[in-house]
Amino acid sequence: MEELIGAMIAAAAIKGIALPSAPADIARSALEVDSLVVVSILCAVEPILGFELPESVVRTGGYSSVRSAVDHLVPHIEAQWATKKGSGR
């Protein structure tokens, strides 16, 4: 989530949009999160996971906030983890 918040801070600065100072408040702010930004961040996560995530993990068209992106991505990434690495149960 930190990477997405950082990307949103940078985008807001370019667009001249004022954001709250607290990361939790930024995550809830109605600020569009572009799907290409999410894909680039997931590319940084893939080496940690040890496998490539399919593009279908990311919602086409992006997200309405960092929180909505995280809420959508986490279950999809977990499902990919369970498929690739096993559920561990």
PDB file of N, CA and C in Angstrom:
ATOM      1  N   MET A   1       0.819  -1.176   0.000  1.00  0.00           N
ATOM      2  CA  MET A   1       0.000   0.000   0.000  1.00  0.00           C
ATOM      3  C   MET A   1       0.872   1.252   0.000  1.00  0.00           C
ATOM      4  N   GLU A   2       2.028   1.179   0.623  1.00  0.00           N
ATOM      5  CA  GLU A   2       2.922   2.335   0.665  1.00  0.00           C
ATOM      6  C   GLU A   2       3.319   2.793  -0.727  1.00  0.00           C
ATOM      7  N   GLU A   3       3.585   1.832  -1.625  1.00  0.00           N
ATOM      8  CA  GLU A   3       3.961   2.181  -2.992  1.00  0.00           C
ATOM      9  C   GLU A   3       2.825   2.894  -3.710  1.00  0.00           C
ATOM     10  N   LEU A   4       1.602   2.418  -3.522  1.00  0.00           N
ATOM     11  CA  LEU A   4       0.449   3.073  -4.151  1.00  0.00           C
ATOM     12  C   LEU A   4       0.241   4.470  -3.591  1.00  0.00           C
ATOM     13  N   ILE A   5       0.391   4.619  -2.298  1.00  0.00           N
ATOM     14  CA  ILE A   5       0.240   5.946  -1.690  1.00  0.00           C
ATOM     15  C   ILE A   5       1.316   6.883  -2.227  1.00  0.00           C
ATOM     16  N   GLY A   6       2.540   6.386  -2.344  1.00  0.00           N
ATOM     17  CA  GLY A   6       3.613   7.205  -2.907  1.00  0.00           C
ATOM     18  C   GLY A   6       3.312   7.632  -4.331  1.00  0.00           C
ATOM     19  N   ALA A   7       2.775   6.714  -5.119  1.00  0.00           N
ATOM     20  CA  ALA A   7       2.413   7.038  -6.500  1.00  0.00           C
ATOM     21  C   ALA A   7       1.298   8.084  -6.534  1.00  0.00           C
ATOM     22  N   MET A   8       0.356   7.994  -5.611  1.00  0.00           N
ATOM     23  CA  MET A   8      -0.744   8.952  -5.573  1.00  0.00           C
ATOM     24  C   MET A   8      -0.271  10.324  -5.107  1.00  0.00           C
ATOM     25  N   ILE A   9       0.679  10.356  -4.186  1.00  0.00           N
ATOM     26  CA  ILE A   9       1.252  11.632  -3.743  1.00  0.00           C
ATOM     27  C   ILE A   9       1.946  12.308  -4.914  1.00  0.00           C
ATOM     28  N   ALA A  10       2.709  11.532  -5.685  1.00  0.00           N
ATOM     29  CA  ALA A  10       3.401  12.095  -6.848  1.00  0.00           C
ATOM     30  C   ALA A  10       2.406  12.594  -7.890  1.00  0.00           C
ATOM     31  N   ALA A  11       1.366  11.818  -8.166  1.00  0.00           N
ATOM     32  CA  ALA A  11       0.356  12.218  -9.151  1.00  0.00           C
ATOM     33  C   ALA A  11      -0.389  13.465  -8.693  1.00  0.00           C
ATOM     34  N   ALA A  12      -0.721  13.526  -7.410  1.00  0.00           N
ATOM     35  CA  ALA A  12      -1.425  14.693  -6.880  1.00  0.00           C
ATOM     36  C   ALA A  12      -0.556  15.939  -6.965  1.00  0.00           C
ATOM     37  N   ALA A  13       0.735  15.795  -6.715  1.00  0.00           N
ATOM     38  CA  ALA A  13       1.647  16.935  -6.800  1.00  0.00           C
ATOM     39  C   ALA A  13       1.705  17.474  -8.225  1.00  0.00           C
ATOM     40  N   ILE A  14       1.751  16.572  -9.192  1.00  0.00           N
ATOM     41  CA  ILE A  14       1.800  16.988 -10.603  1.00  0.00           C
ATOM     42  C   ILE A  14       0.513  17.708 -10.991  1.00  0.00           C
ATOM     43  N   LYS A  15      -0.624  17.207 -10.491  1.00  0.00           N
ATOM     44  CA  LYS A  15      -1.930  17.780 -10.840  1.00  0.00           C
ATOM     45  C   LYS A  15      -2.326  18.956  -9.955  1.00  0.00           C
ATOM     46  N   GLY A  16      -1.512  19.246  -8.925  1.00  0.00           N
ATOM     47  CA  GLY A  16      -1.825  20.345  -8.018  1.00  0.00           C
ATOM     48  C   GLY A  16      -2.976  20.046  -7.077  1.00  0.00           C
ATOM     49  N   ILE A  17      -3.161  18.780  -6.740  1.00  0.00           N
ATOM     50  CA  ILE A  17      -4.239  18.358  -5.849  1.00  0.00           C
ATOM     51  C   ILE A  17      -3.691  18.242  -4.431  1.00  0.00           C
ATOM     52  N   ALA A  18      -4.382  18.857  -3.494  1.00  0.00           N
ATOM     53  CA  ALA A  18      -3.983  18.767  -2.085  1.00  0.00           C
ATOM     54  C   ALA A  18      -4.500  17.453  -1.507  1.00  0.00           C
ATOM     55  N   LEU A  19      -3.635  16.772  -0.793  1.00  0.00           N
ATOM     56  CA  LEU A  19      -3.999  15.511  -0.150  1.00  0.00           C
ATOM     57  C   LEU A  19      -3.891  15.648   1.361  1.00  0.00           C
ATOM     58  N   PRO A  20      -4.600  14.815   2.102  1.00  0.00           N
ATOM     59  CA  PRO A  20      -4.418  14.787   3.556  1.00  0.00           C
ATOM     60  C   PRO A  20      -2.984  14.370   3.884  1.00  0.00           C
ATOM     61  N   SER A  21      -2.551  14.640   5.084  1.00  0.00           N
ATOM     62  CA  SER A  21      -1.171  14.305   5.440  1.00  0.00           C
ATOM     63  C   SER A  21      -1.002  12.865   5.921  1.00  0.00           C
ATOM     64  N   ALA A  22      -2.026  12.283   6.504  1.00  0.00           N
ATOM     65  CA  ALA A  22      -1.933  10.927   7.044  1.00  0.00           C
ATOM     66  C   ALA A  22      -2.102   9.886   5.931  1.00  0.00           C
ATOM     67  N   PRO A  23      -1.198   8.897   5.865  1.00  0.00           N
ATOM     68  CA  PRO A  23      -1.316   7.867   4.831  1.00  0.00           C
ATOM     69  C   PRO A  23      -2.673   7.166   4.808  1.00  0.00           C
ATOM     70  N   ALA A  24      -3.259   6.902   5.976  1.00  0.00           N
ATOM     71  CA  ALA A  24      -4.571   6.240   6.017  1.00  0.00           C
ATOM     72  C   ALA A  24      -5.638   7.110   5.362  1.00  0.00           C
ATOM     73  N   ASP A  25      -5.529   8.413   5.544  1.00  0.00           N
ATOM     74  CA  ASP A  25      -6.490   9.327   4.924  1.00  0.00           C
ATOM     75  C   ASP A  25      -6.270   9.420   3.419  1.00  0.00           C
ATOM     76  N   ILE A  26      -5.014   9.367   2.996  1.00  0.00           N
ATOM     77  CA  ILE A  26      -4.718   9.361   1.558  1.00  0.00           C
ATOM     78  C   ILE A  26      -5.295   8.100   0.923  1.00  0.00           C
ATOM     79  N   ALA A  27      -5.164   6.969   1.599  1.00  0.00           N
ATOM     80  CA  ALA A  27      -5.666   5.700   1.066  1.00  0.00           C
ATOM     81  C   ALA A  27      -7.172   5.746   0.841  1.00  0.00           C
ATOM     82  N   ARG A  28      -7.884   6.496   1.667  1.00  0.00           N
ATOM     83  CA  ARG A  28      -9.336   6.589   1.537  1.00  0.00           C
ATOM     84  C   ARG A  28      -9.782   7.722   0.617  1.00  0.00           C
ATOM     85  N   SER A  29      -8.864   8.611   0.248  1.00  0.00           N
ATOM     86  CA  SER A  29      -9.219   9.749  -0.587  1.00  0.00           C
ATOM     87  C   SER A  29      -9.698   9.303  -1.957  1.00  0.00           C
ATOM     88  N   ALA A  30     -10.673  10.013  -2.472  1.00  0.00           N
ATOM     89  CA  ALA A  30     -11.197   9.726  -3.813  1.00  0.00           C
ATOM     90  C   ALA A  30     -10.235  10.314  -4.841  1.00  0.00           C
ATOM     91  N   LEU A  31      -9.216   9.543  -5.150  1.00  0.00           N
ATOM     92  CA  LEU A  31      -8.214   9.945  -6.124  1.00  0.00           C
ATOM     93  C   LEU A  31      -7.983   8.752  -7.034  1.00  0.00           C
ATOM     94  N   GLU A  32      -8.250   8.929  -8.296  1.00  0.00           N
ATOM     95  CA  GLU A  32      -8.174   7.818  -9.235  1.00  0.00           C
ATOM     96  C   GLU A  32      -6.783   7.191  -9.275  1.00  0.00           C
ATOM     97  N   VAL A  33      -6.766   5.867  -9.182  1.00  0.00           N
ATOM     98  CA  VAL A  33      -5.529   5.099  -9.260  1.00  0.00           C
ATOM     99  C   VAL A  33      -5.539   4.390 -10.614  1.00  0.00           C
ATOM    100  N   ASP A  34      -4.670   4.824 -11.498  1.00  0.00           N
ATOM    101  CA  ASP A  34      -4.597   4.283 -12.844  1.00  0.00           C
ATOM    102  C   ASP A  34      -4.132   2.830 -12.830  1.00  0.00           C
ATOM    103  N   SER A  35      -4.745   2.012 -13.663  1.00  0.00           N
ATOM    104  CA  SER A  35      -4.382   0.590 -13.694  1.00  0.00           C
ATOM    105  C   SER A  35      -2.930   0.386 -14.117  1.00  0.00           C
ATOM    106  N   LEU A  36      -2.383   1.267 -14.954  1.00  0.00           N
ATOM    107  CA  LEU A  36      -0.971   1.140 -15.360  1.00  0.00           C
ATOM    108  C   LEU A  36      -0.030   1.373 -14.184  1.00  0.00           C
ATOM    109  N   VAL A  37      -0.410   2.271 -13.287  1.00  0.00           N
ATOM    110  CA  VAL A  37       0.385   2.503 -12.072  1.00  0.00           C
ATOM    111  C   VAL A  37       0.389   1.239 -11.221  1.00  0.00           C
ATOM    112  N   VAL A  38      -0.776   0.623 -11.096  1.00  0.00           N
ATOM    113  CA  VAL A  38      -0.892  -0.600 -10.295  1.00  0.00           C
ATOM    114  C   VAL A  38      -0.058  -1.720 -10.916  1.00  0.00           C
ATOM    115  N   VAL A  39      -0.122  -1.856 -12.229  1.00  0.00           N
ATOM    116  CA  VAL A  39       0.665  -2.897 -12.915  1.00  0.00           C
ATOM    117  C   VAL A  39       2.152  -2.681 -12.665  1.00  0.00           C
ATOM    118  N   SER A  40       2.621  -1.446 -12.745  1.00  0.00           N
ATOM    119  CA  SER A  40       4.052  -1.188 -12.528  1.00  0.00           C
ATOM    120  C   SER A  40       4.460  -1.513 -11.098  1.00  0.00           C
ATOM    121  N   ILE A  41       3.591  -1.254 -10.143  1.00  0.00           N
ATOM    122  CA  ILE A  41       3.899  -1.588  -8.751  1.00  0.00           C
ATOM    123  C   ILE A  41       3.900  -3.100  -8.551  1.00  0.00           C
ATOM    124  N   LEU A  42       2.965  -3.789  -9.185  1.00  0.00           N
ATOM    125  CA  LEU A  42       2.932  -5.249  -9.068  1.00  0.00           C
ATOM    126  C   LEU A  42       4.173  -5.885  -9.671  1.00  0.00           C
ATOM    127  N   CYS A  43       4.737  -5.258 -10.684  1.00  0.00           N
ATOM    128  CA  CYS A  43       5.982  -5.774 -11.267  1.00  0.00           C
ATOM    129  C   CYS A  43       7.106  -5.766 -10.233  1.00  0.00           C
ATOM    130  N   ALA A  44       7.068  -4.818  -9.320  1.00  0.00           N
ATOM    131  CA  ALA A  44       8.067  -4.762  -8.247  1.00  0.00           C
ATOM    132  C   ALA A  44       7.787  -5.816  -7.182  1.00  0.00           C
ATOM    133  N   VAL A  45       6.539  -6.257  -7.059  1.00  0.00           N
ATOM    134  CA  VAL A  45       6.151  -7.253  -6.065  1.00  0.00           C
ATOM    135  C   VAL A  45       6.457  -8.670  -6.543  1.00  0.00           C
ATOM    136  N   GLU A  46       6.425  -8.885  -7.837  1.00  0.00           N
ATOM    137  CA  GLU A  46       6.601 -10.233  -8.387  1.00  0.00           C
ATOM    138  C   GLU A  46       7.889 -10.931  -7.949  1.00  0.00           C
ATOM    139  N   PRO A  47       9.035 -10.246  -7.907  1.00  0.00           N
ATOM    140  CA  PRO A  47      10.239 -10.941  -7.428  1.00  0.00           C
ATOM    141  C   PRO A  47      10.116 -11.411  -5.970  1.00  0.00           C
ATOM    142  N   ILE A  48       9.365 -10.684  -5.187  1.00  0.00           N
ATOM    143  CA  ILE A  48       9.156 -11.076  -3.790  1.00  0.00           C
ATOM    144  C   ILE A  48       8.268 -12.315  -3.729  1.00  0.00           C
ATOM    145  N   LEU A  49       7.233 -12.330  -4.568  1.00  0.00           N
ATOM    146  CA  LEU A  49       6.328 -13.484  -4.607  1.00  0.00           C
ATOM    147  C   LEU A  49       7.000 -14.709  -5.210  1.00  0.00           C
ATOM    148  N   GLY A  50       7.895 -14.466  -6.154  1.00  0.00           N
ATOM    149  CA  GLY A  50       8.578 -15.571  -6.817  1.00  0.00           C
ATOM    150  C   GLY A  50       7.866 -16.070  -8.058  1.00  0.00           C
ATOM    151  N   PHE A  51       6.879 -15.319  -8.540  1.00  0.00           N
ATOM    152  CA  PHE A  51       6.197 -15.664  -9.782  1.00  0.00           C
ATOM    153  C   PHE A  51       5.549 -14.415 -10.370  1.00  0.00           C
ATOM    154  N   GLU A  52       5.237 -14.509 -11.659  1.00  0.00           N
ATOM    155  CA  GLU A  52       4.621 -13.396 -12.373  1.00  0.00           C
ATOM    156  C   GLU A  52       3.108 -13.426 -12.176  1.00  0.00           C
ATOM    157  N   LEU A  53       2.547 -12.273 -11.894  1.00  0.00           N
ATOM    158  CA  LEU A  53       1.101 -12.158 -11.732  1.00  0.00           C
ATOM    159  C   LEU A  53       0.457 -11.892 -13.091  1.00  0.00           C
ATOM    160  N   PRO A  54      -0.697 -12.499 -13.355  1.00  0.00           N
ATOM    161  CA  PRO A  54      -1.381 -12.220 -14.613  1.00  0.00           C
ATOM    162  C   PRO A  54      -1.988 -10.812 -14.603  1.00  0.00           C
ATOM    163  N   GLU A  55      -2.100 -10.221 -15.770  1.00  0.00           N
ATOM    164  CA  GLU A  55      -2.691  -8.881 -15.862  1.00  0.00           C
ATOM    165  C   GLU A  55      -4.114  -8.851 -15.336  1.00  0.00           C
ATOM    166  N   SER A  56      -4.791  -9.992 -15.353  1.00  0.00           N
ATOM    167  CA  SER A  56      -6.183 -10.053 -14.905  1.00  0.00           C
ATOM    168  C   SER A  56      -6.342  -9.741 -13.412  1.00  0.00           C
ATOM    169  N   VAL A  57      -5.239  -9.721 -12.673  1.00  0.00           N
ATOM    170  CA  VAL A  57      -5.288  -9.368 -11.251  1.00  0.00           C
ATOM    171  C   VAL A  57      -5.712  -7.906 -11.083  1.00  0.00           C
ATOM    172  N   VAL A  58      -5.362  -7.072 -12.065  1.00  0.00           N
ATOM    173  CA  VAL A  58      -5.645  -5.637 -12.000  1.00  0.00           C
ATOM    174  C   VAL A  58      -6.942  -5.336 -12.735  1.00  0.00           C
ATOM    175  N   ARG A  59      -7.795  -4.552 -12.118  1.00  0.00           N
ATOM    176  CA  ARG A  59      -9.062  -4.152 -12.729  1.00  0.00           C
ATOM    177  C   ARG A  59      -8.795  -3.173 -13.873  1.00  0.00           C
ATOM    178  N   THR A  60      -9.336  -3.479 -15.026  1.00  0.00           N
ATOM    179  CA  THR A  60      -9.235  -2.584 -16.171  1.00  0.00           C
ATOM    180  C   THR A  60      -9.934  -1.273 -15.834  1.00  0.00           C
ATOM    181  N   GLY A  61      -9.281  -0.175 -16.138  1.00  0.00           N
ATOM    182  CA  GLY A  61      -9.872   1.134 -15.864  1.00  0.00           C
ATOM    183  C   GLY A  61      -9.419   1.753 -14.566  1.00  0.00           C
ATOM    184  N   GLY A  62      -8.754   0.984 -13.728  1.00  0.00           N
ATOM    185  CA  GLY A  62      -8.216   1.525 -12.493  1.00  0.00           C
ATOM    186  C   GLY A  62      -9.175   1.461 -11.319  1.00  0.00           C
ATOM    187  N   TYR A  63      -8.889   2.292 -10.323  1.00  0.00           N
ATOM    188  CA  TYR A  63      -9.596   2.259  -9.049  1.00  0.00           C
ATOM    189  C   TYR A  63      -9.929   3.679  -8.605  1.00  0.00           C
ATOM    190  N   SER A  64     -10.892   3.783  -7.719  1.00  0.00           N
ATOM    191  CA  SER A  64     -11.330   5.099  -7.253  1.00  0.00           C
ATOM    192  C   SER A  64     -10.521   5.613  -6.060  1.00  0.00           C
ATOM    193  N   SER A  65      -9.713   4.733  -5.459  1.00  0.00           N
ATOM    194  CA  SER A  65      -8.862   5.128  -4.331  1.00  0.00           C
ATOM    195  C   SER A  65      -7.805   4.046  -4.111  1.00  0.00           C
ATOM    196  N   VAL A  66      -6.816   4.366  -3.312  1.00  0.00           N
ATOM    197  CA  VAL A  66      -5.802   3.373  -2.948  1.00  0.00           C
ATOM    198  C   VAL A  66      -6.463   2.224  -2.189  1.00  0.00           C
ATOM    199  N   ARG A  67      -7.370   2.553  -1.277  1.00  0.00           N
ATOM    200  CA  ARG A  67      -8.050   1.517  -0.491  1.00  0.00           C
ATOM    201  C   ARG A  67      -8.823   0.568  -1.401  1.00  0.00           C
ATOM    202  N   SER A  68      -9.536   1.094  -2.404  1.00  0.00           N
ATOM    203  CA  SER A  68     -10.290   0.209  -3.297  1.00  0.00           C
ATOM    204  C   SER A  68      -9.345  -0.663  -4.117  1.00  0.00           C
ATOM    205  N   ALA A  69      -8.184  -0.133  -4.487  1.00  0.00           N
ATOM    206  CA  ALA A  69      -7.192  -0.925  -5.217  1.00  0.00           C
ATOM    207  C   ALA A  69      -6.680  -2.069  -4.348  1.00  0.00           C
ATOM    208  N   VAL A  70      -6.308  -1.766  -3.127  1.00  0.00           N
ATOM    209  CA  VAL A  70      -5.790  -2.792  -2.212  1.00  0.00           C
ATOM    210  C   VAL A  70      -6.862  -3.828  -1.913  1.00  0.00           C
ATOM    211  N   ASP A  71      -8.095  -3.368  -1.661  1.00  0.00           N
ATOM    212  CA  ASP A  71      -9.182  -4.297  -1.364  1.00  0.00           C
ATOM    213  C   ASP A  71      -9.463  -5.242  -2.532  1.00  0.00           C
ATOM    214  N   HIS A  72      -9.254  -4.774  -3.746  1.00  0.00           N
ATOM    215  CA  HIS A  72      -9.461  -5.619  -4.925  1.00  0.00           C
ATOM    216  C   HIS A  72      -8.263  -6.531  -5.170  1.00  0.00           C
ATOM    217  N   LEU A  73      -7.065  -6.001  -5.016  1.00  0.00           N
ATOM    218  CA  LEU A  73      -5.849  -6.737  -5.373  1.00  0.00           C
ATOM    219  C   LEU A  73      -5.505  -7.866  -4.411  1.00  0.00           C
ATOM    220  N   VAL A  74      -5.622  -7.618  -3.120  1.00  0.00           N
ATOM    221  CA  VAL A  74      -5.157  -8.597  -2.144  1.00  0.00           C
ATOM    222  C   VAL A  74      -5.813  -9.971  -2.327  1.00  0.00           C
ATOM    223  N   PRO A  75      -7.138 -10.064  -2.435  1.00  0.00           N
ATOM    224  CA  PRO A  75      -7.715 -11.403  -2.633  1.00  0.00           C
ATOM    225  C   PRO A  75      -7.270 -12.068  -3.938  1.00  0.00           C
ATOM    226  N   HIS A  76      -7.089 -11.256  -4.978  1.00  0.00           N
ATOM    227  CA  HIS A  76      -6.648 -11.823  -6.254  1.00  0.00           C
ATOM    228  C   HIS A  76      -5.198 -12.309  -6.188  1.00  0.00           C
ATOM    229  N   ILE A  77      -4.356 -11.574  -5.494  1.00  0.00           N
ATOM    230  CA  ILE A  77      -2.962 -11.994  -5.319  1.00  0.00           C
ATOM    231  C   ILE A  77      -2.909 -13.234  -4.430  1.00  0.00           C
ATOM    232  N   GLU A  78      -3.724 -13.266  -3.376  1.00  0.00           N
ATOM    233  CA  GLU A  78      -3.776 -14.443  -2.502  1.00  0.00           C
ATOM    234  C   GLU A  78      -4.219 -15.676  -3.275  1.00  0.00           C
ATOM    235  N   ALA A  79      -5.189 -15.514  -4.169  1.00  0.00           N
ATOM    236  CA  ALA A  79      -5.663 -16.644  -4.975  1.00  0.00           C
ATOM    237  C   ALA A  79      -4.550 -17.145  -5.893  1.00  0.00           C
ATOM    238  N   GLN A  80      -3.783 -16.222  -6.461  1.00  0.00           N
ATOM    239  CA  GLN A  80      -2.667 -16.614  -7.311  1.00  0.00           C
ATOM    240  C   GLN A  80      -1.603 -17.339  -6.480  1.00  0.00           C
ATOM    241  N   TRP A  81      -1.354 -16.839  -5.272  1.00  0.00           N
ATOM    242  CA  TRP A  81      -0.387 -17.474  -4.371  1.00  0.00           C
ATOM    243  C   TRP A  81      -0.824 -18.905  -4.066  1.00  0.00           C
ATOM    244  N   ALA A  82      -2.100 -19.075  -3.726  1.00  0.00           N
ATOM    245  CA  ALA A  82      -2.611 -20.416  -3.400  1.00  0.00           C
ATOM    246  C   ALA A  82      -2.471 -21.355  -4.598  1.00  0.00           C
ATOM    247  N   THR A  83      -2.703 -20.831  -5.790  1.00  0.00           N
ATOM    248  CA  THR A  83      -2.579 -21.649  -7.004  1.00  0.00           C
ATOM    249  C   THR A  83      -1.116 -22.032  -7.277  1.00  0.00           C
ATOM    250  N   LYS A  84      -0.224 -21.057  -7.138  1.00  0.00           N
ATOM    251  CA  LYS A  84       1.187 -21.279  -7.488  1.00  0.00           C
ATOM    252  C   LYS A  84       1.980 -21.970  -6.379  1.00  0.00           C
ATOM    253  N   LYS A  85       1.711 -21.584  -5.131  1.00  0.00           N
ATOM    254  CA  LYS A  85       2.530 -22.039  -4.008  1.00  0.00           C
ATOM    255  C   LYS A  85       1.816 -23.003  -3.069  1.00  0.00           C
ATOM    256  N   GLY A  86       0.518 -23.152  -3.253  1.00  0.00           N
ATOM    257  CA  GLY A  86      -0.263 -23.990  -2.343  1.00  0.00           C
ATOM    258  C   GLY A  86      -0.793 -23.168  -1.208  1.00  0.00           C
ATOM    259  N   SER A  87      -1.874 -23.620  -0.623  1.00  0.00           N
ATOM    260  CA  SER A  87      -2.519 -22.857   0.435  1.00  0.00           C
ATOM    261  C   SER A  87      -1.811 -22.975   1.778  1.00  0.00           C
ATOM    262  N   GLY A  88      -0.924 -23.930   1.914  1.00  0.00           N
ATOM    263  CA  GLY A  88      -0.191 -24.079   3.162  1.00  0.00           C
ATOM    264  C   GLY A  88      -0.980 -24.784   4.249  1.00  0.00           C
ATOM    265  N   ARG A  89      -2.113 -25.337   3.871  1.00  0.00           N
ATOM    266  CA  ARG A  89      -2.944 -26.031   4.858  1.00  0.00           C
ATOM    267  C   ARG A  89      -2.808 -27.506   4.720  1.00  0.00           C
TER     268      ARG A  89
END
